[in-house]
């Protein structure tokens, strides 16, 4: 393993569903309990990345929101759906991430709270994944059509970050 890539919303920072627009403009930005210590421990050994289904924020805006909680220098790479043009539910998002990192799938682990976008899609590409699930959510075990990658969560899907939140 050479890189650890964490999901942004509800893995590194708390998502407030009632807030709209880029997180950098929200009245409050709040980290997930224990994330600062986890990042400092991980950074000693691995390259750290941050990924997001942020439809309204690019990586610069995410870094500005991170600055509000003192984490702006914690990540070597930040990549959002707005930067890539597809959501994390699309394998092309993670293929772009691998290209930017210059890593093979076996060298990267993804950590996130969205089972479909943070676990199924990256593992389908050969990456490792850790499902951050402190609330005990049920996994989506949808059977995929033969020969296809993971489907886009789209409307009514499980990818709550793809609805424009950062």
N, C-alpha and C. Protein backbone atom coordinates (compact mmCIF):
# COMPACT_ATOMS: atom_id res chain seq x y z
N UNK A 1 0.85 -1.18 0.00
CA UNK A 1 0.00 0.00 0.00
C UNK A 1 0.89 1.24 0.00
N UNK A 2 0.55 2.19 -0.85
CA UNK A 2 1.35 3.41 -0.96
C UNK A 2 0.54 4.68 -0.69
N UNK A 3 -0.80 4.59 -0.81
CA UNK A 3 -1.63 5.79 -0.63
C UNK A 3 -2.94 5.42 0.05
N UNK A 4 -3.39 6.33 0.92
CA UNK A 4 -4.69 6.22 1.57
C UNK A 4 -5.50 7.42 1.11
N UNK A 5 -6.69 7.14 0.60
CA UNK A 5 -7.56 8.18 0.07
C UNK A 5 -8.86 8.15 0.87
N UNK A 6 -9.18 9.29 1.48
CA UNK A 6 -10.37 9.38 2.31
C UNK A 6 -11.46 10.18 1.61
N UNK A 7 -12.68 9.76 1.85
CA UNK A 7 -13.85 10.51 1.40
C UNK A 7 -13.98 11.78 2.25
N UNK A 8 -14.51 12.80 1.67
CA UNK A 8 -14.64 14.11 2.31
C UNK A 8 -15.82 14.17 3.28
N UNK A 9 -17.04 14.06 2.77
CA UNK A 9 -18.22 14.26 3.59
C UNK A 9 -18.58 13.07 4.45
N UNK A 10 -18.75 13.30 5.73
CA UNK A 10 -19.09 12.30 6.74
C UNK A 10 -18.02 11.25 6.96
N UNK A 11 -16.81 11.52 6.46
CA UNK A 11 -15.64 10.69 6.78
C UNK A 11 -14.56 11.58 7.38
N UNK A 12 -14.33 12.75 6.77
CA UNK A 12 -13.36 13.73 7.29
C UNK A 12 -14.09 14.89 7.96
N UNK A 13 -15.10 15.41 7.29
CA UNK A 13 -15.90 16.50 7.86
C UNK A 13 -17.37 16.10 7.85
N UNK A 14 -18.10 16.67 8.77
CA UNK A 14 -19.52 16.37 8.93
C UNK A 14 -20.35 17.08 7.86
N UNK A 15 -21.28 16.34 7.28
CA UNK A 15 -22.22 16.92 6.33
C UNK A 15 -23.47 17.33 7.09
N UNK A 16 -23.87 18.56 6.91
CA UNK A 16 -25.11 19.06 7.48
C UNK A 16 -26.13 19.12 6.34
N UNK A 17 -27.05 18.15 6.27
CA UNK A 17 -27.97 18.06 5.12
C UNK A 17 -28.78 19.32 4.87
N UNK A 18 -29.00 20.11 5.91
CA UNK A 18 -29.80 21.32 5.73
C UNK A 18 -29.01 22.45 5.06
N UNK A 19 -27.71 22.33 4.99
CA UNK A 19 -26.88 23.36 4.35
C UNK A 19 -26.80 23.12 2.85
N UNK A 20 -26.78 24.16 2.09
CA UNK A 20 -26.71 24.10 0.64
C UNK A 20 -25.49 24.86 0.15
N UNK A 21 -25.06 24.53 -1.05
CA UNK A 21 -23.94 25.22 -1.66
C UNK A 21 -22.61 24.67 -1.19
N UNK A 22 -21.52 25.27 -1.63
CA UNK A 22 -20.18 24.81 -1.26
C UNK A 22 -19.97 24.89 0.26
N UNK A 23 -19.34 23.87 0.82
CA UNK A 23 -19.11 23.81 2.26
C UNK A 23 -18.29 24.99 2.75
N UNK A 24 -17.42 25.51 1.92
CA UNK A 24 -16.61 26.65 2.32
C UNK A 24 -17.47 27.85 2.71
N UNK A 25 -18.73 27.88 2.24
CA UNK A 25 -19.65 28.97 2.55
C UNK A 25 -20.62 28.63 3.67
N UNK A 26 -20.58 27.40 4.18
CA UNK A 26 -21.50 27.02 5.26
C UNK A 26 -21.17 27.80 6.53
N UNK A 27 -22.15 28.04 7.38
CA UNK A 27 -21.89 28.77 8.62
C UNK A 27 -20.93 28.03 9.56
N UNK A 28 -20.90 26.69 9.48
CA UNK A 28 -20.01 25.92 10.33
C UNK A 28 -19.43 24.76 9.51
N UNK A 29 -18.15 24.50 9.74
CA UNK A 29 -17.48 23.32 9.20
C UNK A 29 -16.94 22.57 10.40
N UNK A 30 -17.24 21.28 10.47
CA UNK A 30 -16.91 20.50 11.66
C UNK A 30 -16.29 19.16 11.24
N UNK A 31 -15.20 18.79 11.88
CA UNK A 31 -14.54 17.52 11.56
C UNK A 31 -15.23 16.35 12.25
N UNK A 32 -15.01 15.18 11.71
CA UNK A 32 -15.46 13.94 12.34
C UNK A 32 -14.52 13.68 13.53
N UNK A 33 -15.06 13.25 14.64
CA UNK A 33 -14.26 13.02 15.85
C UNK A 33 -13.10 12.07 15.55
N UNK A 34 -11.91 12.47 15.97
CA UNK A 34 -10.72 11.64 15.83
C UNK A 34 -9.98 11.74 14.52
N UNK A 35 -10.50 12.51 13.56
CA UNK A 35 -9.88 12.55 12.23
C UNK A 35 -8.49 13.19 12.26
N UNK A 36 -8.29 14.20 13.08
CA UNK A 36 -6.98 14.85 13.13
C UNK A 36 -5.89 13.86 13.53
N UNK A 37 -6.15 13.07 14.57
CA UNK A 37 -5.17 12.08 15.01
C UNK A 37 -4.97 11.01 13.95
N UNK A 38 -6.06 10.56 13.34
CA UNK A 38 -5.95 9.54 12.30
C UNK A 38 -5.10 10.04 11.13
N UNK A 39 -5.33 11.27 10.70
CA UNK A 39 -4.56 11.82 9.59
C UNK A 39 -3.08 11.96 9.94
N UNK A 40 -2.79 12.40 11.15
CA UNK A 40 -1.38 12.56 11.53
C UNK A 40 -0.67 11.22 11.57
N UNK A 41 -1.35 10.17 11.99
CA UNK A 41 -0.75 8.83 12.02
C UNK A 41 -0.56 8.28 10.60
N UNK A 42 -1.56 8.46 9.77
CA UNK A 42 -1.48 7.96 8.39
C UNK A 42 -0.41 8.68 7.58
N UNK A 43 -0.29 9.98 7.78
CA UNK A 43 0.65 10.80 6.99
C UNK A 43 2.10 10.42 7.20
N UNK A 44 2.42 9.79 8.32
CA UNK A 44 3.80 9.38 8.59
C UNK A 44 4.25 8.32 7.58
N UNK A 45 3.30 7.52 7.11
CA UNK A 45 3.67 6.37 6.30
C UNK A 45 3.19 6.42 4.85
N UNK A 46 2.06 7.08 4.59
CA UNK A 46 1.46 7.03 3.26
C UNK A 46 1.13 8.40 2.68
N UNK A 47 1.03 8.43 1.38
CA UNK A 47 0.49 9.59 0.68
C UNK A 47 -0.99 9.66 1.02
N UNK A 48 -1.49 10.86 1.32
CA UNK A 48 -2.90 11.02 1.67
C UNK A 48 -3.64 11.78 0.59
N UNK A 49 -4.79 11.25 0.22
CA UNK A 49 -5.66 11.92 -0.73
C UNK A 49 -7.03 12.11 -0.13
N UNK A 50 -7.76 13.05 -0.71
CA UNK A 50 -9.13 13.33 -0.30
C UNK A 50 -9.98 13.35 -1.56
N UNK A 51 -11.09 12.59 -1.55
CA UNK A 51 -11.98 12.56 -2.70
C UNK A 51 -13.38 12.96 -2.27
N UNK A 52 -14.12 13.53 -3.21
CA UNK A 52 -15.45 14.01 -2.89
C UNK A 52 -16.35 13.97 -4.11
N UNK A 53 -17.61 13.71 -3.87
CA UNK A 53 -18.62 13.81 -4.91
C UNK A 53 -19.13 15.25 -5.01
N UNK A 54 -18.37 16.17 -4.51
CA UNK A 54 -18.76 17.58 -4.53
C UNK A 54 -19.08 18.01 -5.97
N UNK A 55 -20.33 18.31 -6.18
CA UNK A 55 -20.75 18.79 -7.49
C UNK A 55 -20.64 20.29 -7.62
N UNK A 56 -20.58 20.99 -6.49
CA UNK A 56 -20.52 22.44 -6.51
C UNK A 56 -19.15 22.99 -6.16
N UNK A 57 -18.25 22.14 -5.68
CA UNK A 57 -16.94 22.61 -5.23
C UNK A 57 -15.83 21.88 -5.96
N UNK A 58 -14.82 22.64 -6.34
CA UNK A 58 -13.63 22.02 -6.90
C UNK A 58 -12.61 21.83 -5.77
N UNK A 59 -11.46 21.28 -6.10
CA UNK A 59 -10.47 20.98 -5.07
C UNK A 59 -9.99 22.22 -4.32
N UNK A 60 -9.91 23.36 -4.98
CA UNK A 60 -9.49 24.59 -4.28
C UNK A 60 -10.51 25.00 -3.22
N UNK A 61 -11.79 24.89 -3.54
CA UNK A 61 -12.82 25.24 -2.57
C UNK A 61 -12.83 24.26 -1.40
N UNK A 62 -12.59 22.98 -1.68
CA UNK A 62 -12.52 22.00 -0.60
C UNK A 62 -11.34 22.32 0.31
N UNK A 63 -10.19 22.68 -0.28
CA UNK A 63 -9.03 23.03 0.54
C UNK A 63 -9.33 24.27 1.40
N UNK A 64 -10.09 25.23 0.87
CA UNK A 64 -10.47 26.41 1.67
C UNK A 64 -11.37 26.01 2.84
N UNK A 65 -12.29 25.08 2.59
CA UNK A 65 -13.15 24.59 3.69
C UNK A 65 -12.30 23.85 4.73
N UNK A 66 -11.33 23.06 4.27
CA UNK A 66 -10.42 22.38 5.19
C UNK A 66 -9.64 23.37 6.05
N UNK A 67 -9.30 24.51 5.48
CA UNK A 67 -8.57 25.54 6.22
C UNK A 67 -9.39 26.04 7.42
N UNK A 68 -10.69 26.00 7.30
CA UNK A 68 -11.54 26.45 8.39
C UNK A 68 -11.43 25.55 9.62
N UNK A 69 -10.96 24.31 9.43
CA UNK A 69 -10.79 23.39 10.56
C UNK A 69 -9.33 22.99 10.75
N UNK A 70 -8.42 23.72 10.09
CA UNK A 70 -6.99 23.49 10.27
C UNK A 70 -6.43 22.27 9.57
N UNK A 71 -7.11 21.75 8.55
CA UNK A 71 -6.66 20.55 7.86
C UNK A 71 -6.21 20.81 6.41
N UNK A 72 -6.03 22.06 6.04
CA UNK A 72 -5.72 22.38 4.64
C UNK A 72 -4.42 21.76 4.13
N UNK A 73 -3.47 21.48 5.01
CA UNK A 73 -2.19 20.90 4.58
C UNK A 73 -2.11 19.40 4.86
N UNK A 74 -3.22 18.78 5.19
CA UNK A 74 -3.22 17.36 5.56
C UNK A 74 -3.22 16.41 4.37
N UNK A 75 -3.56 16.90 3.19
CA UNK A 75 -3.72 16.02 2.03
C UNK A 75 -2.78 16.41 0.90
N UNK A 76 -2.15 15.38 0.32
CA UNK A 76 -1.26 15.59 -0.82
C UNK A 76 -2.05 15.84 -2.10
N UNK A 77 -3.28 15.35 -2.13
CA UNK A 77 -4.13 15.45 -3.31
C UNK A 77 -5.58 15.60 -2.88
N UNK A 78 -6.31 16.47 -3.55
CA UNK A 78 -7.75 16.60 -3.36
C UNK A 78 -8.37 16.51 -4.75
N UNK A 79 -9.40 15.67 -4.88
CA UNK A 79 -10.06 15.48 -6.17
C UNK A 79 -11.56 15.41 -5.96
N UNK A 80 -12.31 16.21 -6.71
CA UNK A 80 -13.76 16.23 -6.58
C UNK A 80 -14.43 15.83 -7.89
N UNK A 81 -15.70 15.49 -7.77
CA UNK A 81 -16.49 15.17 -8.96
C UNK A 81 -16.53 16.37 -9.91
N UNK A 82 -16.53 17.56 -9.36
CA UNK A 82 -16.52 18.75 -10.22
C UNK A 82 -15.22 18.82 -11.01
N UNK A 83 -14.09 18.46 -10.38
CA UNK A 83 -12.80 18.46 -11.08
C UNK A 83 -12.78 17.43 -12.21
N UNK A 84 -13.33 16.25 -11.95
CA UNK A 84 -13.23 15.13 -12.89
C UNK A 84 -14.35 15.14 -13.93
N UNK A 85 -15.53 15.60 -13.54
CA UNK A 85 -16.66 15.61 -14.46
C UNK A 85 -17.56 14.39 -14.34
N UNK A 86 -17.24 13.48 -13.41
CA UNK A 86 -18.08 12.32 -13.11
C UNK A 86 -18.04 12.09 -11.60
N UNK A 87 -19.06 11.39 -11.10
CA UNK A 87 -19.11 11.12 -9.65
C UNK A 87 -18.27 9.92 -9.29
N UNK A 88 -18.09 9.71 -7.98
CA UNK A 88 -17.33 8.56 -7.50
C UNK A 88 -18.05 7.25 -7.78
N UNK A 89 -19.30 7.29 -8.15
CA UNK A 89 -20.03 6.08 -8.52
C UNK A 89 -19.65 5.60 -9.92
N UNK A 90 -18.89 6.39 -10.62
CA UNK A 90 -18.42 6.06 -11.96
C UNK A 90 -16.96 5.63 -11.86
N UNK A 91 -16.59 4.44 -12.34
CA UNK A 91 -15.20 3.98 -12.25
C UNK A 91 -14.18 4.96 -12.83
N UNK A 92 -14.60 5.79 -13.78
CA UNK A 92 -13.67 6.75 -14.37
C UNK A 92 -13.14 7.74 -13.34
N UNK A 93 -13.91 8.01 -12.28
CA UNK A 93 -13.43 8.90 -11.22
C UNK A 93 -12.16 8.31 -10.60
N UNK A 94 -12.25 7.05 -10.21
CA UNK A 94 -11.10 6.40 -9.55
C UNK A 94 -9.96 6.11 -10.53
N UNK A 95 -10.28 5.89 -11.79
CA UNK A 95 -9.21 5.73 -12.79
C UNK A 95 -8.42 7.02 -12.92
N UNK A 96 -9.12 8.15 -12.88
CA UNK A 96 -8.45 9.45 -12.92
C UNK A 96 -7.59 9.65 -11.66
N UNK A 97 -8.13 9.27 -10.51
CA UNK A 97 -7.39 9.37 -9.26
C UNK A 97 -6.09 8.57 -9.35
N UNK A 98 -6.16 7.33 -9.81
CA UNK A 98 -4.97 6.49 -9.94
C UNK A 98 -3.94 7.13 -10.87
N UNK A 99 -4.41 7.70 -11.97
CA UNK A 99 -3.50 8.35 -12.92
C UNK A 99 -2.79 9.54 -12.27
N UNK A 100 -3.52 10.34 -11.54
CA UNK A 100 -2.93 11.51 -10.88
C UNK A 100 -1.93 11.07 -9.81
N UNK A 101 -2.30 10.04 -9.05
CA UNK A 101 -1.40 9.54 -8.01
C UNK A 101 -0.19 8.81 -8.60
N UNK A 102 -0.33 8.31 -9.82
CA UNK A 102 0.73 7.51 -10.42
C UNK A 102 0.87 6.18 -9.71
N UNK A 103 -0.24 5.60 -9.28
CA UNK A 103 -0.26 4.35 -8.53
C UNK A 103 -1.11 3.30 -9.23
N UNK A 104 -0.81 2.05 -8.94
CA UNK A 104 -1.63 0.95 -9.42
C UNK A 104 -2.77 0.75 -8.43
N UNK A 105 -3.85 0.08 -8.83
CA UNK A 105 -4.96 -0.14 -7.90
C UNK A 105 -4.55 -0.83 -6.61
N UNK A 106 -3.64 -1.78 -6.67
CA UNK A 106 -3.22 -2.50 -5.48
C UNK A 106 -2.43 -1.67 -4.49
N UNK A 107 -2.03 -0.47 -4.89
CA UNK A 107 -1.25 0.40 -4.02
C UNK A 107 -2.10 1.43 -3.27
N UNK A 108 -3.42 1.40 -3.50
CA UNK A 108 -4.30 2.45 -2.95
C UNK A 108 -5.43 1.82 -2.15
N UNK A 109 -5.71 2.40 -0.98
CA UNK A 109 -6.88 2.03 -0.19
C UNK A 109 -7.77 3.26 -0.07
N UNK A 110 -9.07 3.06 -0.22
CA UNK A 110 -10.06 4.14 -0.12
C UNK A 110 -10.84 3.93 1.17
N UNK A 111 -11.06 5.00 1.92
CA UNK A 111 -11.82 4.97 3.16
C UNK A 111 -13.00 5.92 3.00
N UNK A 112 -14.21 5.42 3.21
CA UNK A 112 -15.36 6.30 3.07
C UNK A 112 -16.63 5.71 3.63
N UNK A 113 -17.64 6.56 3.75
CA UNK A 113 -18.90 6.17 4.38
C UNK A 113 -19.96 5.71 3.40
N UNK A 114 -19.76 5.89 2.12
CA UNK A 114 -20.75 5.51 1.12
C UNK A 114 -20.36 4.16 0.54
N UNK A 115 -21.13 3.13 0.88
CA UNK A 115 -20.75 1.77 0.50
C UNK A 115 -20.57 1.62 -1.01
N UNK A 116 -21.50 2.13 -1.77
CA UNK A 116 -21.42 2.00 -3.23
C UNK A 116 -20.22 2.75 -3.79
N UNK A 117 -20.13 4.04 -3.50
CA UNK A 117 -19.11 4.89 -4.13
C UNK A 117 -17.73 4.74 -3.52
N UNK A 118 -17.64 4.40 -2.25
CA UNK A 118 -16.33 4.35 -1.57
C UNK A 118 -15.80 2.94 -1.37
N UNK A 119 -16.64 1.93 -1.58
CA UNK A 119 -16.20 0.54 -1.41
C UNK A 119 -16.36 -0.25 -2.70
N UNK A 120 -17.58 -0.35 -3.20
CA UNK A 120 -17.83 -1.20 -4.37
C UNK A 120 -17.09 -0.74 -5.61
N UNK A 121 -17.14 0.54 -5.91
CA UNK A 121 -16.50 1.01 -7.13
C UNK A 121 -14.98 0.84 -7.07
N UNK A 122 -14.30 1.32 -6.03
CA UNK A 122 -12.85 1.14 -6.01
C UNK A 122 -12.41 -0.33 -5.95
N UNK A 123 -13.12 -1.16 -5.19
CA UNK A 123 -12.72 -2.57 -5.14
C UNK A 123 -12.97 -3.25 -6.47
N UNK A 124 -13.96 -2.79 -7.21
CA UNK A 124 -14.20 -3.31 -8.55
C UNK A 124 -13.05 -3.03 -9.51
N UNK A 125 -12.25 -2.02 -9.17
CA UNK A 125 -11.08 -1.67 -9.98
C UNK A 125 -9.79 -2.28 -9.42
N UNK A 126 -9.90 -3.02 -8.33
CA UNK A 126 -8.72 -3.67 -7.75
C UNK A 126 -8.10 -2.94 -6.59
N UNK A 127 -8.72 -1.84 -6.16
CA UNK A 127 -8.22 -1.13 -4.98
C UNK A 127 -8.75 -1.81 -3.72
N UNK A 128 -8.16 -1.50 -2.61
CA UNK A 128 -8.68 -1.93 -1.32
C UNK A 128 -9.59 -0.82 -0.80
N UNK A 129 -10.51 -1.18 0.08
CA UNK A 129 -11.42 -0.17 0.63
C UNK A 129 -11.76 -0.51 2.07
N UNK A 130 -12.00 0.55 2.84
CA UNK A 130 -12.46 0.43 4.22
C UNK A 130 -13.77 1.21 4.29
N UNK A 131 -14.81 0.54 4.71
CA UNK A 131 -16.11 1.19 4.86
C UNK A 131 -16.18 1.83 6.23
N UNK A 132 -16.17 3.16 6.28
CA UNK A 132 -16.31 3.91 7.52
C UNK A 132 -17.80 3.98 7.81
N UNK A 133 -18.26 3.23 8.79
CA UNK A 133 -19.68 3.06 9.02
C UNK A 133 -20.01 3.12 10.52
N UNK A 134 -19.74 4.26 11.16
CA UNK A 134 -19.97 4.33 12.60
C UNK A 134 -21.45 4.24 12.98
N UNK A 135 -22.34 4.56 12.05
CA UNK A 135 -23.78 4.50 12.35
C UNK A 135 -24.41 3.15 12.11
N UNK A 136 -23.64 2.19 11.60
CA UNK A 136 -24.18 0.86 11.37
C UNK A 136 -25.18 0.78 10.24
N UNK A 137 -24.98 1.56 9.17
CA UNK A 137 -25.87 1.52 8.01
C UNK A 137 -25.83 0.14 7.36
N UNK A 138 -26.92 -0.24 6.71
CA UNK A 138 -26.95 -1.48 5.96
C UNK A 138 -26.28 -1.26 4.61
N UNK A 139 -25.53 -2.25 4.15
CA UNK A 139 -24.86 -2.17 2.85
C UNK A 139 -25.87 -2.40 1.74
N UNK A 140 -25.59 -1.82 0.59
CA UNK A 140 -26.38 -2.06 -0.60
C UNK A 140 -25.74 -3.21 -1.36
N UNK A 141 -26.42 -4.33 -1.46
CA UNK A 141 -25.86 -5.53 -2.09
C UNK A 141 -26.44 -5.73 -3.48
N UNK A 142 -26.79 -4.66 -4.17
CA UNK A 142 -27.38 -4.75 -5.49
C UNK A 142 -26.49 -5.55 -6.43
N UNK A 143 -27.09 -6.51 -7.10
CA UNK A 143 -26.35 -7.32 -8.07
C UNK A 143 -26.16 -6.49 -9.33
N UNK A 144 -24.95 -6.45 -9.84
CA UNK A 144 -24.65 -5.67 -11.04
C UNK A 144 -24.83 -6.51 -12.29
N UNK A 145 -25.28 -5.89 -13.39
CA UNK A 145 -25.39 -6.63 -14.65
C UNK A 145 -24.01 -7.12 -15.07
N UNK A 146 -23.96 -8.28 -15.67
CA UNK A 146 -22.70 -8.87 -16.11
C UNK A 146 -22.01 -7.94 -17.12
N UNK A 147 -20.69 -7.74 -16.93
CA UNK A 147 -19.91 -6.95 -17.87
C UNK A 147 -19.95 -5.46 -17.65
N UNK A 148 -20.58 -5.01 -16.58
CA UNK A 148 -20.65 -3.57 -16.31
C UNK A 148 -19.96 -3.23 -15.02
N UNK A 149 -19.49 -2.00 -14.94
CA UNK A 149 -18.96 -1.50 -13.68
C UNK A 149 -20.11 -1.12 -12.77
N UNK A 150 -19.81 -0.47 -11.69
CA UNK A 150 -20.86 -0.05 -10.76
C UNK A 150 -21.71 1.02 -11.41
N UNK A 151 -23.02 0.94 -11.26
CA UNK A 151 -23.89 1.95 -11.86
C UNK A 151 -23.81 3.27 -11.12
N UNK A 152 -24.15 4.33 -11.79
CA UNK A 152 -24.23 5.65 -11.17
C UNK A 152 -25.40 5.62 -10.18
N UNK A 153 -25.18 6.13 -8.96
CA UNK A 153 -26.24 6.10 -7.95
C UNK A 153 -27.44 6.92 -8.40
N UNK A 154 -27.19 8.07 -9.03
CA UNK A 154 -28.25 8.89 -9.59
C UNK A 154 -29.37 9.20 -8.61
N UNK A 155 -30.49 9.70 -9.12
CA UNK A 155 -31.62 10.04 -8.25
C UNK A 155 -32.12 8.82 -7.50
N UNK A 156 -32.29 8.98 -6.20
CA UNK A 156 -32.78 7.91 -5.37
C UNK A 156 -31.72 6.89 -4.99
N UNK A 157 -30.49 7.09 -5.45
CA UNK A 157 -29.41 6.17 -5.15
C UNK A 157 -28.82 6.43 -3.78
N UNK A 158 -27.72 5.78 -3.49
CA UNK A 158 -27.11 5.88 -2.16
C UNK A 158 -26.07 6.96 -2.06
N UNK A 159 -25.74 7.62 -3.15
CA UNK A 159 -24.64 8.56 -3.16
C UNK A 159 -25.14 9.95 -2.74
N UNK A 160 -25.25 10.18 -1.45
CA UNK A 160 -25.83 11.42 -0.96
C UNK A 160 -24.97 12.64 -1.23
N UNK A 161 -23.69 12.48 -1.49
CA UNK A 161 -22.83 13.63 -1.76
C UNK A 161 -23.01 14.13 -3.19
N UNK A 162 -23.49 13.29 -4.09
CA UNK A 162 -23.62 13.65 -5.49
C UNK A 162 -24.73 14.65 -5.72
N UNK A 163 -25.52 14.96 -4.71
CA UNK A 163 -26.60 15.91 -4.88
C UNK A 163 -26.13 17.34 -4.69
N UNK A 164 -24.86 17.59 -4.94
CA UNK A 164 -24.38 18.96 -4.90
C UNK A 164 -23.80 19.41 -3.58
N UNK A 165 -23.68 18.52 -2.61
CA UNK A 165 -23.07 18.91 -1.34
C UNK A 165 -21.59 18.65 -1.39
N UNK A 166 -20.85 19.42 -0.61
CA UNK A 166 -19.41 19.20 -0.54
C UNK A 166 -19.01 18.91 0.87
